[in-house]
Amino acid sequence: MDKLKIKGQSPISFIRYYLYDYRKTNDYTMEDMAEMMGISLNYYGDLEKGNKGEKMSIHTAYKIAQALQVSLDNLYLLEEEYQERILL
């Protein structure tokens, strides 16, 4: 990933990169991810594109955490860890 493209983004906007990597690592389709989260495919696509990250509701964040089988607190921690890893 190009560091110039992600520098200066808020931590919640990094969810798009984490979701993409999680999906690819686990060989899921975007449809699989949307279904696991109980959201529309279009909305999931917007999340992964970064169009919804900063305006994501706590309810959507909770759905993401459930799909990834982590607590909401841990979702934020995963984001911090992921952010540090890709900025190195």
N, C-alpha and C. Protein backbone atom coordinates (compact mmCIF):
# COMPACT_ATOMS: atom_id res chain seq x y z
N MET A 1 0.82 -1.19 0.00
CA MET A 1 0.00 0.00 0.00
C MET A 1 0.86 1.25 0.00
N ASP A 2 0.40 2.22 -0.70
CA ASP A 2 1.13 3.47 -0.81
C ASP A 2 0.90 4.31 0.45
N LYS A 3 1.96 4.58 1.19
CA LYS A 3 1.84 5.34 2.43
C LYS A 3 1.28 6.73 2.18
N LEU A 4 1.53 7.30 1.03
CA LEU A 4 1.03 8.64 0.75
C LEU A 4 -0.48 8.67 0.67
N LYS A 5 -1.09 7.60 0.25
CA LYS A 5 -2.54 7.56 0.13
C LYS A 5 -3.22 7.44 1.49
N ILE A 6 -2.56 6.88 2.47
CA ILE A 6 -3.23 6.65 3.74
C ILE A 6 -2.77 7.60 4.84
N LYS A 7 -1.70 8.33 4.60
CA LYS A 7 -1.20 9.25 5.61
C LYS A 7 -2.25 10.33 5.89
N GLY A 8 -2.49 10.58 7.18
CA GLY A 8 -3.42 11.63 7.57
C GLY A 8 -4.86 11.18 7.69
N GLN A 9 -5.15 9.93 7.41
CA GLN A 9 -6.52 9.45 7.55
C GLN A 9 -6.80 9.15 9.02
N SER A 10 -8.06 9.28 9.40
CA SER A 10 -8.44 8.96 10.77
C SER A 10 -8.36 7.46 10.98
N PRO A 11 -8.16 7.02 12.24
CA PRO A 11 -8.04 5.58 12.50
C PRO A 11 -9.22 4.76 12.00
N ILE A 12 -10.44 5.28 12.10
CA ILE A 12 -11.60 4.48 11.67
C ILE A 12 -11.58 4.26 10.16
N SER A 13 -10.96 5.16 9.40
CA SER A 13 -10.93 4.96 7.96
C SER A 13 -10.02 3.80 7.57
N PHE A 14 -9.18 3.35 8.47
CA PHE A 14 -8.33 2.21 8.20
C PHE A 14 -9.11 0.90 8.16
N ILE A 15 -10.35 0.92 8.61
CA ILE A 15 -11.16 -0.29 8.61
C ILE A 15 -11.26 -0.85 7.20
N ARG A 16 -11.24 0.02 6.20
CA ARG A 16 -11.36 -0.45 4.82
C ARG A 16 -10.21 -1.38 4.45
N TYR A 17 -9.00 -1.05 4.87
CA TYR A 17 -7.84 -1.88 4.56
C TYR A 17 -7.90 -3.20 5.33
N TYR A 18 -8.32 -3.11 6.58
CA TYR A 18 -8.42 -4.32 7.39
C TYR A 18 -9.47 -5.26 6.82
N LEU A 19 -10.64 -4.72 6.46
CA LEU A 19 -11.69 -5.56 5.89
C LEU A 19 -11.23 -6.24 4.61
N TYR A 20 -10.57 -5.49 3.75
CA TYR A 20 -10.08 -6.06 2.49
C TYR A 20 -9.09 -7.19 2.76
N ASP A 21 -8.12 -6.93 3.61
CA ASP A 21 -7.12 -7.96 3.91
C ASP A 21 -7.75 -9.17 4.58
N TYR A 22 -8.67 -8.93 5.51
CA TYR A 22 -9.35 -10.05 6.19
C TYR A 22 -10.11 -10.89 5.16
N ARG A 23 -10.82 -10.23 4.26
CA ARG A 23 -11.61 -10.93 3.24
C ARG A 23 -10.71 -11.75 2.34
N LYS A 24 -9.62 -11.17 1.88
CA LYS A 24 -8.71 -11.89 0.98
C LYS A 24 -7.99 -13.03 1.69
N THR A 25 -7.54 -12.77 2.91
CA THR A 25 -6.82 -13.79 3.68
C THR A 25 -7.69 -15.02 3.93
N ASN A 26 -8.98 -14.78 4.16
CA ASN A 26 -9.90 -15.88 4.46
C ASN A 26 -10.67 -16.37 3.24
N ASP A 27 -10.29 -15.88 2.07
CA ASP A 27 -10.90 -16.29 0.80
C ASP A 27 -12.41 -16.09 0.80
N TYR A 28 -12.86 -14.94 1.33
CA TYR A 28 -14.27 -14.58 1.31
C TYR A 28 -14.53 -13.64 0.14
N THR A 29 -15.74 -13.68 -0.35
CA THR A 29 -16.17 -12.71 -1.34
C THR A 29 -16.76 -11.50 -0.61
N MET A 30 -16.97 -10.44 -1.35
CA MET A 30 -17.64 -9.29 -0.75
C MET A 30 -19.05 -9.67 -0.32
N GLU A 31 -19.69 -10.54 -1.09
CA GLU A 31 -21.03 -11.01 -0.74
C GLU A 31 -21.01 -11.78 0.59
N ASP A 32 -19.98 -12.61 0.77
CA ASP A 32 -19.84 -13.36 2.02
C ASP A 32 -19.74 -12.41 3.21
N MET A 33 -18.89 -11.39 3.06
CA MET A 33 -18.68 -10.44 4.15
C MET A 33 -19.95 -9.67 4.46
N ALA A 34 -20.64 -9.20 3.43
CA ALA A 34 -21.88 -8.46 3.63
C ALA A 34 -22.91 -9.33 4.35
N GLU A 35 -23.01 -10.57 3.93
CA GLU A 35 -23.96 -11.48 4.56
C GLU A 35 -23.61 -11.74 6.03
N MET A 36 -22.32 -11.95 6.31
CA MET A 36 -21.89 -12.18 7.70
C MET A 36 -22.22 -10.98 8.58
N MET A 37 -22.16 -9.79 8.01
CA MET A 37 -22.40 -8.57 8.77
C MET A 37 -23.86 -8.15 8.79
N GLY A 38 -24.66 -8.79 7.94
CA GLY A 38 -26.07 -8.42 7.89
C GLY A 38 -26.29 -7.05 7.26
N ILE A 39 -25.44 -6.71 6.29
CA ILE A 39 -25.58 -5.42 5.59
C ILE A 39 -25.66 -5.70 4.10
N SER A 40 -26.07 -4.70 3.34
CA SER A 40 -26.18 -4.89 1.90
C SER A 40 -24.79 -4.96 1.27
N LEU A 41 -24.73 -5.59 0.11
CA LEU A 41 -23.49 -5.68 -0.63
C LEU A 41 -22.99 -4.28 -1.00
N ASN A 42 -23.91 -3.41 -1.39
CA ASN A 42 -23.52 -2.05 -1.74
C ASN A 42 -22.89 -1.33 -0.56
N TYR A 43 -23.49 -1.50 0.62
CA TYR A 43 -22.95 -0.83 1.80
C TYR A 43 -21.57 -1.40 2.14
N TYR A 44 -21.44 -2.72 2.06
CA TYR A 44 -20.13 -3.32 2.32
C TYR A 44 -19.10 -2.79 1.32
N GLY A 45 -19.47 -2.72 0.06
CA GLY A 45 -18.56 -2.19 -0.95
C GLY A 45 -18.12 -0.77 -0.62
N ASP A 46 -19.06 0.03 -0.13
CA ASP A 46 -18.72 1.40 0.27
C ASP A 46 -17.76 1.41 1.45
N LEU A 47 -17.94 0.48 2.39
CA LEU A 47 -17.02 0.39 3.53
C LEU A 47 -15.61 0.07 3.04
N GLU A 48 -15.52 -0.91 2.16
CA GLU A 48 -14.21 -1.35 1.69
C GLU A 48 -13.55 -0.29 0.80
N LYS A 49 -14.34 0.52 0.14
CA LYS A 49 -13.80 1.61 -0.68
C LYS A 49 -13.43 2.82 0.16
N GLY A 50 -13.88 2.84 1.40
CA GLY A 50 -13.59 3.97 2.27
C GLY A 50 -14.63 5.07 2.20
N ASN A 51 -15.75 4.80 1.56
CA ASN A 51 -16.79 5.81 1.42
C ASN A 51 -17.67 5.94 2.66
N LYS A 52 -17.61 4.99 3.56
CA LYS A 52 -18.48 5.01 4.74
C LYS A 52 -17.73 4.98 6.06
N GLY A 53 -16.44 4.72 6.04
CA GLY A 53 -15.68 4.51 7.27
C GLY A 53 -15.82 5.58 8.32
N GLU A 54 -15.65 6.84 7.94
CA GLU A 54 -15.68 7.90 8.93
C GLU A 54 -17.10 8.23 9.39
N LYS A 55 -18.09 7.79 8.64
CA LYS A 55 -19.47 8.06 9.01
C LYS A 55 -20.19 6.78 9.46
N MET A 56 -19.43 5.77 9.78
CA MET A 56 -19.99 4.49 10.17
C MET A 56 -20.66 4.60 11.54
N SER A 57 -21.84 4.04 11.65
CA SER A 57 -22.54 4.05 12.93
C SER A 57 -21.92 3.02 13.88
N ILE A 58 -22.18 3.20 15.14
CA ILE A 58 -21.71 2.23 16.14
C ILE A 58 -22.36 0.87 15.89
N HIS A 59 -23.57 0.88 15.38
CA HIS A 59 -24.27 -0.36 15.07
C HIS A 59 -23.54 -1.13 13.96
N THR A 60 -23.10 -0.42 12.93
CA THR A 60 -22.35 -1.06 11.85
C THR A 60 -21.00 -1.56 12.36
N ALA A 61 -20.34 -0.76 13.18
CA ALA A 61 -19.06 -1.20 13.75
C ALA A 61 -19.26 -2.47 14.56
N TYR A 62 -20.37 -2.54 15.29
CA TYR A 62 -20.69 -3.74 16.07
C TYR A 62 -20.89 -4.95 15.14
N LYS A 63 -21.59 -4.75 14.02
CA LYS A 63 -21.80 -5.84 13.07
C LYS A 63 -20.47 -6.33 12.50
N ILE A 64 -19.58 -5.40 12.22
CA ILE A 64 -18.25 -5.77 11.72
C ILE A 64 -17.51 -6.59 12.77
N ALA A 65 -17.56 -6.13 14.01
CA ALA A 65 -16.90 -6.85 15.10
C ALA A 65 -17.46 -8.26 15.24
N GLN A 66 -18.78 -8.39 15.16
CA GLN A 66 -19.41 -9.71 15.25
C GLN A 66 -18.93 -10.61 14.12
N ALA A 67 -18.91 -10.09 12.91
CA ALA A 67 -18.50 -10.90 11.76
C ALA A 67 -17.05 -11.36 11.89
N LEU A 68 -16.21 -10.50 12.47
CA LEU A 68 -14.81 -10.84 12.66
C LEU A 68 -14.56 -11.61 13.95
N GLN A 69 -15.64 -11.82 14.70
CA GLN A 69 -15.62 -12.57 15.96
C GLN A 69 -14.67 -11.94 16.98
N VAL A 70 -14.79 -10.62 17.12
CA VAL A 70 -14.04 -9.88 18.12
C VAL A 70 -15.01 -8.93 18.82
N SER A 71 -14.63 -8.47 20.00
CA SER A 71 -15.46 -7.48 20.68
C SER A 71 -15.28 -6.13 19.99
N LEU A 72 -16.19 -5.23 20.27
CA LEU A 72 -16.08 -3.89 19.68
C LEU A 72 -14.80 -3.21 20.14
N ASP A 73 -14.43 -3.41 21.41
CA ASP A 73 -13.16 -2.87 21.91
C ASP A 73 -11.99 -3.43 21.13
N ASN A 74 -12.03 -4.73 20.91
CA ASN A 74 -10.93 -5.37 20.19
C ASN A 74 -10.88 -4.97 18.73
N LEU A 75 -12.03 -4.62 18.15
CA LEU A 75 -12.03 -4.14 16.78
C LEU A 75 -11.19 -2.88 16.68
N TYR A 76 -11.33 -1.98 17.64
CA TYR A 76 -10.54 -0.76 17.64
C TYR A 76 -9.06 -1.08 17.83
N LEU A 77 -8.76 -2.03 18.72
CA LEU A 77 -7.37 -2.42 18.93
C LEU A 77 -6.77 -3.05 17.68
N LEU A 78 -7.57 -3.87 17.00
CA LEU A 78 -7.11 -4.46 15.74
C LEU A 78 -6.80 -3.38 14.73
N GLU A 79 -7.64 -2.35 14.70
CA GLU A 79 -7.41 -1.24 13.80
C GLU A 79 -6.09 -0.54 14.11
N GLU A 80 -5.83 -0.30 15.39
CA GLU A 80 -4.58 0.36 15.78
C GLU A 80 -3.38 -0.48 15.38
N GLU A 81 -3.45 -1.79 15.65
CA GLU A 81 -2.35 -2.68 15.30
C GLU A 81 -2.14 -2.71 13.79
N TYR A 82 -3.24 -2.77 13.05
CA TYR A 82 -3.14 -2.82 11.60
C TYR A 82 -2.57 -1.52 11.06
N GLN A 83 -3.02 -0.41 11.61
CA GLN A 83 -2.52 0.90 11.19
C GLN A 83 -1.01 0.98 11.40
N GLU A 84 -0.54 0.54 12.54
CA GLU A 84 0.90 0.58 12.83
C GLU A 84 1.66 -0.31 11.84
N ARG A 85 1.10 -1.48 11.54
CA ARG A 85 1.78 -2.43 10.66
C ARG A 85 1.91 -1.89 9.24
N ILE A 86 0.87 -1.26 8.72
CA ILE A 86 0.97 -0.81 7.33
C ILE A 86 1.71 0.51 7.20
N LEU A 87 1.90 1.22 8.29
CA LEU A 87 2.63 2.47 8.21
C LEU A 87 4.12 2.30 8.45
N LEU A 88 4.55 1.10 8.81
CA LEU A 88 5.98 0.85 9.04
C LEU A 88 6.77 0.88 7.76
